[in-house]
Protein backbone atom coordinates (compact mmCIF):
# COMPACT_ATOMS: atom_id res chain seq x y z
CA MET A 1 0.00 0.00 0.00
CA ALA A 2 1.36 3.43 -0.97
CA LYS A 3 2.34 5.77 1.84
CA ILE A 4 1.31 9.37 2.54
CA VAL A 5 3.25 11.50 5.04
CA ILE A 6 1.50 14.47 6.69
CA THR A 7 3.79 16.80 8.63
CA GLU A 8 1.42 19.52 9.88
CA PHE A 9 -2.12 19.77 11.20
CA MET A 10 -4.97 18.57 9.00
CA ASP A 11 -8.67 18.07 9.61
CA ASP A 12 -9.33 14.62 11.07
CA ALA A 13 -12.04 13.77 8.52
CA ALA A 14 -9.62 14.40 5.65
CA VAL A 15 -6.93 12.30 7.32
CA ASP A 16 -9.43 9.48 7.79
CA ALA A 17 -10.41 9.69 4.11
CA LEU A 18 -6.77 9.23 3.14
CA LYS A 19 -6.37 6.33 5.55
CA GLN A 20 -9.19 4.44 3.87
CA GLN A 21 -7.04 3.97 0.79
CA TYR A 22 -3.43 4.51 1.81
CA ASP A 23 -0.91 3.95 4.57
CA VAL A 24 -0.82 7.34 6.32
CA PHE A 25 1.85 8.62 8.69
CA TYR A 26 0.46 11.72 10.42
CA ASP A 27 2.36 13.80 12.96
CA GLN A 28 1.34 17.45 13.03
CA THR A 29 4.52 18.42 14.92
CA LEU A 30 6.98 17.05 12.36
CA ALA A 31 7.66 20.49 10.89
CA ASP A 32 9.53 21.25 14.12
CA ARG A 33 11.83 18.28 13.46
CA GLN A 34 12.74 18.56 9.80
CA ASP A 35 15.49 15.94 10.03
CA GLU A 36 12.94 13.30 11.05
CA ILE A 37 10.97 13.80 7.84
CA VAL A 38 13.79 12.51 5.63
CA PRO A 39 13.60 8.81 6.56
CA LEU A 40 9.78 8.94 6.60
CA VAL A 41 9.52 10.03 2.96
CA ALA A 42 11.95 7.40 1.68
CA ASP A 43 9.01 5.24 0.56
CA ALA A 44 6.29 7.91 0.39
CA ALA A 45 4.11 8.49 -2.65
CA ALA A 46 2.71 11.78 -1.34
CA LEU A 47 3.71 14.45 1.16
CA ILE A 48 1.21 16.88 2.71
CA VAL A 49 2.51 20.07 4.36
CA ARG A 50 1.56 23.55 5.46
CA ASN A 51 3.98 26.49 5.45
CA ARG A 52 6.62 25.40 7.95
CA THR A 53 7.84 22.17 6.38
CA GLN A 54 10.71 22.91 4.01
CA VAL A 55 10.32 20.84 0.85
CA THR A 56 13.87 21.14 -0.44
CA ALA A 57 15.78 19.44 -3.25
CA ASP A 58 17.54 17.31 -0.63
CA LEU A 59 14.22 16.19 0.85
CA LEU A 60 12.92 15.34 -2.61
CA ASP A 61 16.07 13.34 -3.35
CA ALA A 62 15.35 11.31 -0.22
CA ALA A 63 11.89 10.48 -1.61
CA PRO A 64 12.43 8.71 -4.96
CA ASP A 65 8.84 7.43 -5.09
CA LEU A 66 7.22 10.79 -4.37
CA LYS A 67 4.48 11.65 -6.86
CA CYS A 68 2.94 14.79 -5.40
CA VAL A 69 3.00 17.36 -2.61
CA GLY A 70 -0.27 18.60 -1.12
CA ARG A 71 -0.03 22.12 0.28
CA LEU A 72 -2.56 22.91 3.04
CA GLY A 73 -2.76 26.54 1.97
CA VAL A 74 -1.59 28.61 -0.97
CA GLY A 75 1.89 30.00 -0.30
CA LEU A 76 4.67 28.08 -2.01
CA ASP A 77 7.82 29.76 -0.71
CA ASN A 78 8.62 26.74 1.50
CA ILE A 79 8.55 24.43 -1.52
CA ASP A 80 11.39 24.27 -4.06
CA MET A 81 9.16 24.39 -7.12
CA GLU A 82 11.99 24.04 -9.62
CA ALA A 83 13.26 20.92 -7.85
CA CYS A 84 9.71 19.51 -7.94
CA ARG A 85 9.46 20.17 -11.68
CA GLU A 86 12.80 18.54 -12.36
CA ARG A 87 11.72 15.40 -10.47
CA GLY A 88 8.22 15.22 -11.90
CA VAL A 89 6.58 15.93 -8.53
CA THR A 90 3.26 17.79 -8.85
CA VAL A 91 2.37 20.40 -6.24
CA TYR A 92 -1.25 20.97 -5.23
CA PRO A 93 -1.99 24.22 -3.36
CA ALA A 94 -5.46 24.54 -1.84
CA THR A 95 -6.22 27.54 -4.04
CA GLY A 96 -9.29 29.47 -2.92
CA ALA A 97 -10.15 27.32 0.08
CA ASN A 98 -9.12 29.91 2.67
CA ASN A 99 -9.91 33.12 0.76
CA LEU A 100 -12.92 33.93 2.91
CA CYS A 101 -11.27 33.72 6.31
CA VAL A 102 -8.26 35.79 5.23
CA ALA A 103 -10.58 38.46 3.83
CA GLU A 104 -12.51 38.53 7.11
CA TYR A 105 -9.22 38.85 9.01
CA VAL A 106 -8.26 41.88 6.91
CA ILE A 107 -11.61 43.61 7.40
CA THR A 108 -11.64 42.84 11.12
CA ASN A 109 -8.19 44.32 11.63
CA ALA A 110 -9.00 47.33 9.48
CA MET A 111 -11.90 48.03 11.84
CA LEU A 112 -9.81 47.45 14.94
CA LEU A 113 -6.96 49.66 13.81
CA LEU A 114 -9.03 52.55 12.44
CA ARG A 115 -11.46 52.63 15.34
CA GLY A 116 -8.66 52.32 17.89
CA ALA A 117 -11.12 51.68 20.69
CA TYR A 118 -10.57 48.08 21.59
CA GLN A 119 -7.58 48.15 23.92
CA SER A 120 -9.29 49.96 26.75
CA THR A 121 -10.25 46.97 28.92
CA GLU A 122 -7.28 47.32 31.30
CA ALA A 123 -7.87 51.05 31.75
CA MET A 124 -11.57 50.47 32.33
CA LEU A 125 -10.88 47.82 34.94
CA GLN A 126 -8.70 50.35 36.74
CA GLY A 127 -11.60 52.78 36.93
CA GLU A 128 -10.55 55.02 34.03
CA TRP A 129 -12.96 56.42 31.47
CA PRO A 130 -10.73 57.29 28.45
CA ARG A 131 -13.56 58.25 26.14
CA GLN A 132 -11.96 61.17 24.31
CA ALA A 133 -8.74 59.25 23.70
CA LEU A 134 -10.61 56.46 21.94
CA ILE A 135 -12.52 58.34 19.27
CA GLY A 136 -11.40 56.73 16.02
CA HIS A 137 -12.58 56.46 12.45
CA GLU A 138 -15.22 54.59 10.49
CA LEU A 139 -14.42 52.38 7.51
CA ALA A 140 -17.17 53.98 5.43
CA GLY A 141 -15.76 56.68 3.18
CA ARG A 142 -12.20 55.44 3.62
CA VAL A 143 -10.02 53.90 0.93
CA MET A 144 -8.94 50.25 0.92
CA GLY A 145 -5.69 49.79 -0.99
CA LEU A 146 -4.76 46.29 -2.14
CA VAL A 147 -1.23 45.34 -3.17
CA GLY A 148 -1.81 42.24 -5.28
CA PHE A 149 -5.24 41.50 -6.70
CA GLY A 150 -5.73 37.76 -6.62
CA GLY A 151 -8.58 35.74 -5.12
CA ILE A 152 -8.14 36.84 -1.50
CA ALA A 153 -7.72 40.50 -2.38
CA ARG A 154 -10.90 40.37 -4.44
CA GLU A 155 -12.82 38.94 -1.49
CA VAL A 156 -11.48 41.85 0.58
CA ALA A 157 -12.59 44.26 -2.14
CA VAL A 158 -16.15 42.90 -2.11
CA ARG A 159 -16.45 43.25 1.66
CA ALA A 160 -14.79 46.66 1.77
CA SER A 161 -17.19 47.96 -0.88
CA VAL A 162 -20.21 46.70 1.02
CA LEU A 163 -18.95 48.62 4.05
CA GLY A 164 -18.82 51.83 2.05
CA MET A 165 -15.11 51.93 1.28
CA GLN A 166 -13.57 52.92 -2.02
CA VAL A 167 -11.16 50.27 -3.32
CA VAL A 168 -7.94 50.72 -5.27
CA ALA A 169 -5.51 47.96 -6.21
CA TYR A 170 -2.09 47.40 -7.73
CA ASP A 171 -1.17 44.22 -9.58
CA PRO A 172 1.15 44.38 -12.61
CA TYR A 173 0.32 40.77 -13.49
CA CYS A 174 -3.42 41.34 -13.69
CA LEU A 175 -4.48 42.21 -17.25
CA ALA A 176 -6.21 45.53 -17.81
CA ASP A 177 -9.31 43.80 -19.18
CA ASP A 178 -9.62 41.39 -16.25
CA PRO A 179 -13.24 41.52 -15.03
CA GLY A 180 -11.95 41.73 -11.47
CA TRP A 181 -11.22 45.41 -12.04
CA GLN A 182 -14.93 46.02 -11.68
CA LEU A 183 -14.25 45.63 -7.96
CA ALA A 184 -11.38 48.13 -7.71
CA ARG A 185 -9.68 51.01 -9.46
CA ASN A 186 -6.42 49.97 -11.10
CA VAL A 187 -3.57 52.17 -9.82
CA SER A 188 0.20 52.05 -9.39
CA LEU A 189 1.92 50.91 -6.20
CA ASP A 190 2.59 54.55 -5.36
CA GLY A 191 -1.08 55.22 -6.00
CA VAL A 192 -2.07 52.65 -3.38
CA LEU A 193 0.43 53.98 -0.86
CA ASP A 194 -0.47 57.62 -1.44
CA TYR A 195 -4.23 57.24 -1.56
CA ALA A 196 -5.24 54.39 0.78
CA ASP A 197 -6.30 54.64 4.40
CA VAL A 198 -5.90 50.87 4.75
CA VAL A 199 -3.15 49.05 2.81
CA SER A 200 -3.52 45.26 2.66
CA LEU A 201 -0.77 43.09 1.18
CA HIS A 202 -1.55 40.08 -1.01
CA VAL A 203 1.64 39.16 -2.88
CA PRO A 204 3.98 36.14 -2.75
CA LEU A 205 7.48 36.46 -1.33
CA THR A 206 9.96 36.66 -4.21
CA GLY A 207 13.19 38.45 -4.93
CA ASP A 208 11.15 41.31 -6.36
CA THR A 209 8.72 41.60 -3.44
CA LYS A 210 11.12 41.16 -0.50
CA HIS A 211 10.99 44.41 1.50
CA MET A 212 8.66 45.87 -1.12
CA ILE A 213 7.27 47.89 1.80
CA ASP A 214 10.44 49.51 3.13
CA ALA A 215 11.08 52.84 4.85
CA GLU A 216 10.69 54.71 1.57
CA ALA A 217 7.37 53.05 0.79
CA LEU A 218 6.04 53.59 4.32
CA ALA A 219 6.95 57.28 4.09
CA LYS A 220 4.57 57.60 1.12
CA MET A 221 1.60 56.48 3.21
CA LYS A 222 -0.71 58.84 5.08
CA SER A 223 0.26 59.29 8.72
CA GLN A 224 -3.27 58.20 9.70
CA ALA A 225 -3.17 55.11 7.47
CA VAL A 226 -2.79 51.51 8.63
CA ILE A 227 -1.19 48.49 6.99
CA ILE A 228 -2.12 44.80 7.20
CA ASN A 229 0.08 41.90 6.09
CA THR A 230 -1.44 38.45 5.67
CA SER A 231 0.74 37.45 2.70
CA ARG A 232 4.30 36.58 3.71
CA GLY A 233 6.79 37.89 6.20
CA GLY A 234 9.57 39.73 4.43
CA ILE A 235 7.24 41.76 2.23
CA ILE A 236 7.46 44.45 4.92
CA ASP A 237 10.78 45.62 6.35
CA GLU A 238 9.87 45.01 10.00
CA GLU A 239 12.50 47.37 11.41
CA ALA A 240 11.27 50.17 9.17
CA LEU A 241 7.66 49.46 10.15
CA ALA A 242 8.43 49.51 13.87
CA SER A 243 10.24 52.82 13.42
CA ALA A 244 7.35 54.37 11.49
CA LEU A 245 4.84 53.24 14.12
CA SER A 246 6.91 54.48 17.05
CA GLN A 247 7.47 57.87 15.42
CA GLY A 248 3.78 58.37 14.60
CA LYS A 249 4.42 58.27 10.86
CA LEU A 250 1.85 55.51 10.56
CA ALA A 251 -1.31 55.01 12.62
CA GLY A 252 -1.21 51.24 12.98
CA ALA A 253 -0.37 47.82 11.62
CA ALA A 254 -1.54 44.23 11.84
CA LEU A 255 0.97 41.47 11.08
CA ASP A 256 0.03 37.82 10.76
CA VAL A 257 3.28 36.82 9.03
CA PHE A 258 6.90 37.50 9.89
CA GLU A 259 10.36 37.38 8.38
CA THR A 260 11.24 34.55 10.75
CA GLU A 261 8.57 32.19 12.02
CA PRO A 262 7.76 31.38 14.72
CA LEU A 263 8.39 34.93 15.89
CA SER A 264 10.93 34.73 18.71
CA ALA A 265 10.89 36.96 21.77
CA GLU A 266 14.12 38.54 20.55
CA ALA A 267 12.71 39.26 17.08
CA ALA A 268 9.53 40.65 18.63
CA MET A 269 11.45 43.19 20.73
CA LYS A 270 11.32 45.73 17.90
CA PHE A 271 7.55 45.95 18.46
CA SER A 272 7.72 46.10 22.25
CA GLY A 273 5.81 48.98 23.78
CA LEU A 274 3.87 49.85 20.64
CA LYS A 275 0.16 50.35 21.27
CA ASN A 276 -0.79 50.54 17.60
CA ILE A 277 0.14 47.09 16.38
CA ILE A 278 -1.68 43.75 16.31
CA LEU A 279 0.43 40.58 16.07
CA THR A 280 -1.04 37.14 15.36
CA PRO A 281 0.75 33.80 14.73
CA HIS A 282 0.04 33.15 11.02
CA ILE A 283 -3.62 32.31 11.57
CA ALA A 284 -5.40 34.58 9.10
CA GLY A 285 -6.02 31.65 6.77
CA VAL A 286 -7.00 29.20 9.47
CA THR A 287 -10.46 28.93 10.98
CA GLN A 288 -12.30 25.76 11.86
CA GLU A 289 -14.31 26.12 8.67
CA SER A 290 -11.38 26.90 6.39
CA ASN A 291 -9.35 24.04 7.84
CA VAL A 292 -12.12 21.66 6.80
CA ARG A 293 -12.20 23.14 3.29
CA VAL A 294 -8.41 23.25 2.84
CA SER A 295 -7.95 19.74 4.21
CA ALA A 296 -10.75 18.28 2.09
CA MET A 297 -9.46 19.92 -1.09
CA THR A 298 -5.92 18.72 -0.43
CA ALA A 299 -7.03 15.17 0.37
CA GLN A 300 -9.15 15.05 -2.79
CA THR A 301 -6.39 16.28 -5.10
CA VAL A 302 -3.79 13.96 -3.59
CA LEU A 303 -6.16 10.98 -3.84
CA ALA A 304 -7.00 11.89 -7.43
CA HIS A 305 -3.33 12.08 -8.34
CA LEU A 306 -2.41 8.81 -6.68
CA ASP A 307 -5.41 7.21 -8.39
CA ASP A 308 -3.92 8.32 -11.73
CA ALA A 309 -6.36 11.20 -12.22
CA GLY A 310 -3.47 13.42 -13.19
CA GLU A 311 -5.60 15.61 -15.43
CA GLN A 312 -6.84 17.35 -12.26
CA ALA A 313 -3.33 18.43 -11.36
CA ILE A 314 -2.33 22.03 -10.93
CA HIS A 315 0.95 22.25 -12.83
CA LEU A 316 2.94 25.19 -11.52
């Protein structure tokens, strides 16, 4: 019986579906012990990962029978795609399965950051009544700026529009006649930075996008604007962001992804003492509902591939 190795958390129903047809090794903590994955994949036909497992050329060389990699999510920066191509290993991202929850995360944090009224519990418990200090802004009438205009960004655009926001977006890879532009005005990157009250990032981490949002880019934003990153750590220069926030050059930020993950206490020190930042541990794309969808999609595509239904593959 062919073997499937799962190195990070997956919905139990999807794991059970795989077990009905294949020998499954499932340990959701394996990403913390990369060296232990090597012997496990020696006879594996499929590998299922999230974002922390590093699918390198060396790992692929240790898995001569590997047919496909299921990615429980959409980011591919932890997978050596060229090495997969060279070895005939197909990669299946769960495209679209977590769009909704990431969009909701963005809108939620936009509300939290612009309103600025949701960190008063401690003061209230101490008998304070900081009403004047907590008068913030509404989303309605503000501008949502999207950097990258793929599926998640478009879900954000729909929700932002319903809430009365104007939407602008920058994506040089999105054709001018793409129907998605009905949801947003097509502008340059500088246009997003100059015009938006909320900037939300939706781009992959590449050589071109690393530190795309640096000190120079942040300086182009309105001082009362906020920025939200649910894409990949490294898109924002974290040191530059912390400096802008501490100096009042930017009103707030929400980060769900970081240059180094997990975020260590030492790496987090740059944000220490800031009252205008929200930090979460790479959970924007993970809710109970989205985990079911992502896991089911991944299980289905892996099963289809191993059952020789290769025409359903996503060739990247």
